[in-house]
């Protein structure tokens, strides 16, 4: 066992470009200054807070994920029989459209 602990893994970051009204941008800058952090940190933490507090969103998201699993399982189990041979097709991973907040 090592004496020192390994550093925590840094999450992968994605770039997000958006427009907000000027007053909101000023308040974001001030809040980041107040926390002695960056605007990115404030936005990320604020979004996490909203996502964790919104029970209706959590339920909706769970439903979406459950539907996604069902769809993936159906695609992976599709088989095509030809005479006595059987071929199974695997689902490919969908490509990102670039509009995702988190990966």
N, C-alpha and C. Protein backbone atom coordinates (compact mmCIF):
# COMPACT_ATOMS: atom_id res chain seq x y z
N UNK A 1 0.86 -1.18 0.00
CA UNK A 1 0.00 0.00 0.00
C UNK A 1 0.90 1.23 0.00
N UNK A 2 0.56 2.19 -0.84
CA UNK A 2 1.38 3.39 -0.94
C UNK A 2 1.11 4.33 0.24
N UNK A 3 2.11 5.11 0.55
CA UNK A 3 1.99 6.07 1.65
C UNK A 3 1.09 7.23 1.24
N UNK A 4 1.27 7.69 0.01
CA UNK A 4 0.46 8.80 -0.49
C UNK A 4 -0.72 8.27 -1.28
N UNK A 5 -1.82 8.97 -1.20
CA UNK A 5 -3.00 8.61 -1.98
C UNK A 5 -2.87 9.19 -3.38
N UNK A 6 -3.43 8.48 -4.35
CA UNK A 6 -3.45 8.98 -5.72
C UNK A 6 -4.38 10.19 -5.78
N UNK A 7 -4.06 11.15 -6.64
CA UNK A 7 -4.94 12.33 -6.74
C UNK A 7 -6.30 11.92 -7.31
N UNK A 8 -7.35 12.64 -6.94
CA UNK A 8 -8.66 12.30 -7.48
C UNK A 8 -8.68 12.51 -8.99
N UNK A 9 -9.42 11.65 -9.68
CA UNK A 9 -9.52 11.79 -11.13
C UNK A 9 -10.35 13.01 -11.47
N UNK A 10 -9.84 13.80 -12.39
CA UNK A 10 -10.54 14.99 -12.83
C UNK A 10 -11.62 14.58 -13.84
N UNK A 11 -12.82 15.13 -13.71
CA UNK A 11 -13.86 14.79 -14.68
C UNK A 11 -13.52 15.36 -16.05
N UNK A 12 -14.02 14.70 -17.09
CA UNK A 12 -13.83 15.22 -18.43
C UNK A 12 -14.66 16.50 -18.57
N UNK A 13 -14.08 17.47 -19.20
CA UNK A 13 -14.77 18.74 -19.39
C UNK A 13 -15.24 18.86 -20.84
N UNK A 14 -16.34 19.54 -21.01
CA UNK A 14 -16.86 19.86 -22.33
C UNK A 14 -17.06 21.37 -22.40
N UNK A 15 -16.91 21.91 -23.57
CA UNK A 15 -17.09 23.35 -23.75
C UNK A 15 -18.55 23.63 -24.06
N UNK A 16 -19.07 24.66 -23.41
CA UNK A 16 -20.45 25.07 -23.61
C UNK A 16 -20.46 26.56 -23.90
N UNK A 17 -21.07 26.92 -25.00
CA UNK A 17 -21.17 28.34 -25.33
C UNK A 17 -22.64 28.72 -25.29
N UNK A 18 -22.96 29.76 -24.52
CA UNK A 18 -24.34 30.19 -24.42
C UNK A 18 -24.40 31.69 -24.24
N UNK A 19 -25.61 32.22 -24.43
CA UNK A 19 -25.81 33.66 -24.27
C UNK A 19 -26.74 33.89 -23.08
N UNK A 20 -26.37 34.86 -22.26
CA UNK A 20 -27.20 35.27 -21.12
C UNK A 20 -27.30 36.79 -21.16
N UNK A 21 -28.32 37.31 -20.47
CA UNK A 21 -28.43 38.77 -20.47
C UNK A 21 -27.28 39.36 -19.66
N UNK A 22 -27.00 40.60 -19.93
CA UNK A 22 -25.83 41.27 -19.36
C UNK A 22 -25.84 41.29 -17.83
N UNK A 23 -27.01 41.54 -17.24
CA UNK A 23 -27.12 41.58 -15.78
C UNK A 23 -26.76 40.22 -15.16
N UNK A 24 -27.22 39.15 -15.81
CA UNK A 24 -26.90 37.80 -15.31
C UNK A 24 -25.40 37.53 -15.38
N UNK A 25 -24.78 37.96 -16.46
CA UNK A 25 -23.33 37.79 -16.61
C UNK A 25 -22.58 38.55 -15.53
N UNK A 26 -23.01 39.76 -15.23
CA UNK A 26 -22.36 40.57 -14.18
C UNK A 26 -22.50 39.86 -12.82
N UNK A 27 -23.70 39.36 -12.53
CA UNK A 27 -23.92 38.68 -11.25
C UNK A 27 -23.11 37.38 -11.18
N UNK A 28 -23.00 36.68 -12.32
CA UNK A 28 -22.18 35.46 -12.37
C UNK A 28 -20.73 35.79 -12.05
N UNK A 29 -20.22 36.83 -12.67
CA UNK A 29 -18.84 37.26 -12.41
C UNK A 29 -18.64 37.60 -10.94
N UNK A 30 -19.58 38.34 -10.38
CA UNK A 30 -19.48 38.74 -8.97
C UNK A 30 -19.56 37.53 -8.05
N UNK A 31 -20.43 36.58 -8.37
CA UNK A 31 -20.56 35.40 -7.51
C UNK A 31 -19.29 34.56 -7.57
N UNK A 32 -18.72 34.44 -8.75
CA UNK A 32 -17.45 33.71 -8.88
C UNK A 32 -16.36 34.41 -8.08
N UNK A 33 -16.33 35.72 -8.14
CA UNK A 33 -15.36 36.49 -7.35
C UNK A 33 -15.60 36.27 -5.86
N UNK A 34 -16.86 36.30 -5.44
CA UNK A 34 -17.24 36.08 -4.04
C UNK A 34 -16.74 34.71 -3.56
N UNK A 35 -16.84 33.69 -4.41
CA UNK A 35 -16.40 32.34 -4.04
C UNK A 35 -14.91 32.13 -4.29
N UNK A 36 -14.26 33.11 -4.89
CA UNK A 36 -12.87 32.98 -5.31
C UNK A 36 -12.73 31.75 -6.22
N UNK A 37 -13.59 31.70 -7.23
CA UNK A 37 -13.59 30.59 -8.17
C UNK A 37 -13.80 31.13 -9.58
N UNK A 38 -14.11 30.22 -10.50
CA UNK A 38 -14.33 30.62 -11.88
C UNK A 38 -15.82 30.62 -12.20
N UNK A 39 -16.16 31.28 -13.29
CA UNK A 39 -17.55 31.28 -13.76
C UNK A 39 -17.98 29.85 -14.11
N UNK A 40 -17.09 29.08 -14.69
CA UNK A 40 -17.40 27.69 -15.04
C UNK A 40 -17.79 26.88 -13.82
N UNK A 41 -17.06 27.08 -12.74
CA UNK A 41 -17.37 26.37 -11.50
C UNK A 41 -18.76 26.74 -11.00
N UNK A 42 -19.06 28.03 -11.00
CA UNK A 42 -20.37 28.49 -10.51
C UNK A 42 -21.49 27.90 -11.35
N UNK A 43 -21.35 27.96 -12.67
CA UNK A 43 -22.39 27.42 -13.55
C UNK A 43 -22.54 25.91 -13.34
N UNK A 44 -21.43 25.20 -13.29
CA UNK A 44 -21.48 23.74 -13.10
C UNK A 44 -22.16 23.37 -11.79
N UNK A 45 -21.79 24.04 -10.71
CA UNK A 45 -22.38 23.73 -9.42
C UNK A 45 -23.85 24.13 -9.35
N UNK A 46 -24.20 25.25 -9.98
CA UNK A 46 -25.59 25.68 -9.99
C UNK A 46 -26.44 24.68 -10.76
N UNK A 47 -25.95 24.19 -11.89
CA UNK A 47 -26.69 23.18 -12.65
C UNK A 47 -26.84 21.88 -11.87
N UNK A 48 -25.78 21.45 -11.20
CA UNK A 48 -25.87 20.24 -10.38
C UNK A 48 -26.93 20.40 -9.29
N UNK A 49 -26.95 21.57 -8.67
CA UNK A 49 -27.93 21.85 -7.63
C UNK A 49 -29.35 21.78 -8.18
N UNK A 50 -29.58 22.40 -9.32
CA UNK A 50 -30.92 22.36 -9.93
C UNK A 50 -31.30 20.93 -10.28
N UNK A 51 -30.40 20.20 -10.91
CA UNK A 51 -30.70 18.82 -11.32
C UNK A 51 -31.00 17.93 -10.11
N UNK A 52 -30.28 18.15 -9.01
CA UNK A 52 -30.49 17.32 -7.81
C UNK A 52 -31.76 17.70 -7.05
N UNK A 53 -32.17 18.96 -7.11
CA UNK A 53 -33.34 19.42 -6.36
C UNK A 53 -34.66 19.20 -7.09
N UNK A 54 -34.63 19.09 -8.41
CA UNK A 54 -35.85 19.00 -9.21
C UNK A 54 -36.31 17.54 -9.29
N UNK A 55 -37.25 17.19 -8.40
CA UNK A 55 -37.76 15.82 -8.34
C UNK A 55 -38.44 15.39 -9.62
N UNK A 56 -39.19 16.29 -10.23
CA UNK A 56 -39.89 15.96 -11.48
C UNK A 56 -38.89 15.65 -12.59
N UNK A 57 -37.79 16.41 -12.65
CA UNK A 57 -36.75 16.14 -13.64
C UNK A 57 -36.10 14.79 -13.38
N UNK A 58 -35.84 14.47 -12.11
CA UNK A 58 -35.23 13.17 -11.77
C UNK A 58 -36.10 12.02 -12.27
N UNK A 59 -37.40 12.12 -12.02
CA UNK A 59 -38.32 11.07 -12.47
C UNK A 59 -38.31 10.96 -13.99
N UNK A 60 -38.37 12.10 -14.65
CA UNK A 60 -38.35 12.11 -16.11
C UNK A 60 -37.07 11.49 -16.64
N UNK A 61 -35.93 11.85 -16.05
CA UNK A 61 -34.64 11.34 -16.48
C UNK A 61 -34.56 9.83 -16.28
N UNK A 62 -35.02 9.34 -15.15
CA UNK A 62 -35.03 7.89 -14.90
C UNK A 62 -35.87 7.17 -15.94
N UNK A 63 -37.01 7.75 -16.29
CA UNK A 63 -37.88 7.17 -17.30
C UNK A 63 -37.17 7.13 -18.66
N UNK A 64 -36.49 8.22 -18.99
CA UNK A 64 -35.76 8.28 -20.26
C UNK A 64 -34.65 7.24 -20.29
N UNK A 65 -33.93 7.10 -19.20
CA UNK A 65 -32.84 6.14 -19.14
C UNK A 65 -33.36 4.72 -19.21
N UNK A 66 -34.49 4.45 -18.56
CA UNK A 66 -35.09 3.12 -18.61
C UNK A 66 -35.51 2.80 -20.03
N UNK A 67 -36.10 3.75 -20.73
CA UNK A 67 -36.49 3.55 -22.12
C UNK A 67 -35.27 3.33 -23.00
N UNK A 68 -34.21 4.03 -22.72
CA UNK A 68 -32.97 3.87 -23.48
C UNK A 68 -32.38 2.49 -23.32
N UNK A 69 -32.41 1.96 -22.10
CA UNK A 69 -31.90 0.61 -21.85
C UNK A 69 -32.74 -0.42 -22.58
N UNK A 70 -34.07 -0.26 -22.54
CA UNK A 70 -34.94 -1.20 -23.23
C UNK A 70 -34.66 -1.18 -24.72
N UNK A 71 -34.50 0.00 -25.29
CA UNK A 71 -34.25 0.13 -26.71
C UNK A 71 -32.93 -0.51 -27.09
N UNK A 72 -31.89 -0.29 -26.28
CA UNK A 72 -30.57 -0.86 -26.54
C UNK A 72 -30.62 -2.37 -26.44
N UNK A 73 -31.31 -2.89 -25.42
CA UNK A 73 -31.41 -4.34 -25.26
C UNK A 73 -32.12 -4.97 -26.44
N UNK A 74 -33.16 -4.30 -26.93
CA UNK A 74 -33.90 -4.82 -28.08
C UNK A 74 -32.99 -4.86 -29.31
N UNK A 75 -32.21 -3.81 -29.53
CA UNK A 75 -31.33 -3.75 -30.70
C UNK A 75 -30.26 -4.83 -30.62
N UNK A 76 -29.72 -5.06 -29.44
CA UNK A 76 -28.65 -6.04 -29.30
C UNK A 76 -29.13 -7.46 -29.48
N UNK A 77 -30.41 -7.71 -29.22
CA UNK A 77 -30.90 -9.07 -29.31
C UNK A 77 -31.57 -9.40 -30.64
N UNK A 78 -31.52 -8.48 -31.60
CA UNK A 78 -32.11 -8.74 -32.90
C UNK A 78 -31.27 -9.79 -33.61
N UNK A 79 -31.93 -10.83 -34.05
CA UNK A 79 -31.22 -11.88 -34.79
C UNK A 79 -31.93 -12.15 -36.09
N UNK A 80 -31.16 -12.56 -37.05
CA UNK A 80 -31.71 -12.89 -38.36
C UNK A 80 -31.29 -14.32 -38.66
N UNK A 81 -32.28 -15.20 -38.87
CA UNK A 81 -31.97 -16.60 -39.17
C UNK A 81 -31.97 -16.84 -40.67
N UNK A 82 -31.01 -17.62 -41.13
CA UNK A 82 -30.93 -17.97 -42.54
C UNK A 82 -30.56 -19.44 -42.60
N UNK A 83 -31.46 -20.26 -43.10
CA UNK A 83 -31.33 -21.71 -43.09
C UNK A 83 -31.00 -22.16 -41.68
N UNK A 84 -29.88 -22.82 -41.48
CA UNK A 84 -29.55 -23.28 -40.13
C UNK A 84 -28.55 -22.36 -39.45
N UNK A 85 -28.12 -21.32 -40.18
CA UNK A 85 -27.19 -20.35 -39.61
C UNK A 85 -27.96 -19.23 -38.96
N UNK A 86 -27.39 -18.63 -37.95
CA UNK A 86 -28.02 -17.49 -37.29
C UNK A 86 -26.97 -16.41 -37.11
N UNK A 87 -27.32 -15.19 -37.49
CA UNK A 87 -26.42 -14.05 -37.36
C UNK A 87 -27.01 -13.07 -36.37
N UNK A 88 -26.20 -12.60 -35.45
CA UNK A 88 -26.64 -11.61 -34.47
C UNK A 88 -25.99 -10.28 -34.78
N UNK A 89 -26.80 -9.21 -34.78
CA UNK A 89 -26.30 -7.87 -35.02
C UNK A 89 -26.20 -7.12 -33.70
N UNK A 90 -25.07 -6.47 -33.45
CA UNK A 90 -24.89 -5.69 -32.23
C UNK A 90 -25.21 -4.24 -32.53
N UNK A 91 -25.77 -3.58 -31.54
CA UNK A 91 -26.09 -2.15 -31.69
C UNK A 91 -24.81 -1.35 -31.62
N UNK A 92 -24.71 -0.34 -32.44
CA UNK A 92 -23.55 0.54 -32.38
C UNK A 92 -23.84 1.67 -31.40
N UNK A 93 -22.80 2.25 -30.87
CA UNK A 93 -22.95 3.36 -29.93
C UNK A 93 -23.31 4.62 -30.70
N UNK A 94 -24.40 5.31 -30.31
CA UNK A 94 -24.77 6.54 -31.03
C UNK A 94 -23.72 7.61 -30.83
N UNK A 95 -23.50 8.39 -31.86
CA UNK A 95 -22.52 9.46 -31.79
C UNK A 95 -23.15 10.70 -31.17
N UNK A 96 -22.33 11.44 -30.45
CA UNK A 96 -22.80 12.67 -29.80
C UNK A 96 -23.11 13.72 -30.85
N UNK A 97 -24.16 14.50 -30.59
CA UNK A 97 -24.51 15.58 -31.51
C UNK A 97 -23.88 16.90 -31.09
N UNK A 98 -23.08 16.88 -30.04
CA UNK A 98 -22.40 18.10 -29.60
C UNK A 98 -23.24 18.98 -28.71
N UNK A 99 -24.48 18.61 -28.44
CA UNK A 99 -25.35 19.45 -27.62
C UNK A 99 -25.47 18.94 -26.19
N UNK A 100 -24.64 18.05 -25.78
CA UNK A 100 -24.74 17.49 -24.44
C UNK A 100 -24.01 18.37 -23.45
N UNK A 101 -24.59 18.51 -22.26
CA UNK A 101 -23.92 19.28 -21.22
C UNK A 101 -22.84 18.47 -20.55
N UNK A 102 -23.15 17.23 -20.30
CA UNK A 102 -22.22 16.36 -19.58
C UNK A 102 -22.00 15.11 -20.39
N UNK A 103 -20.82 14.56 -20.26
CA UNK A 103 -20.54 13.32 -20.95
C UNK A 103 -20.19 12.25 -19.98
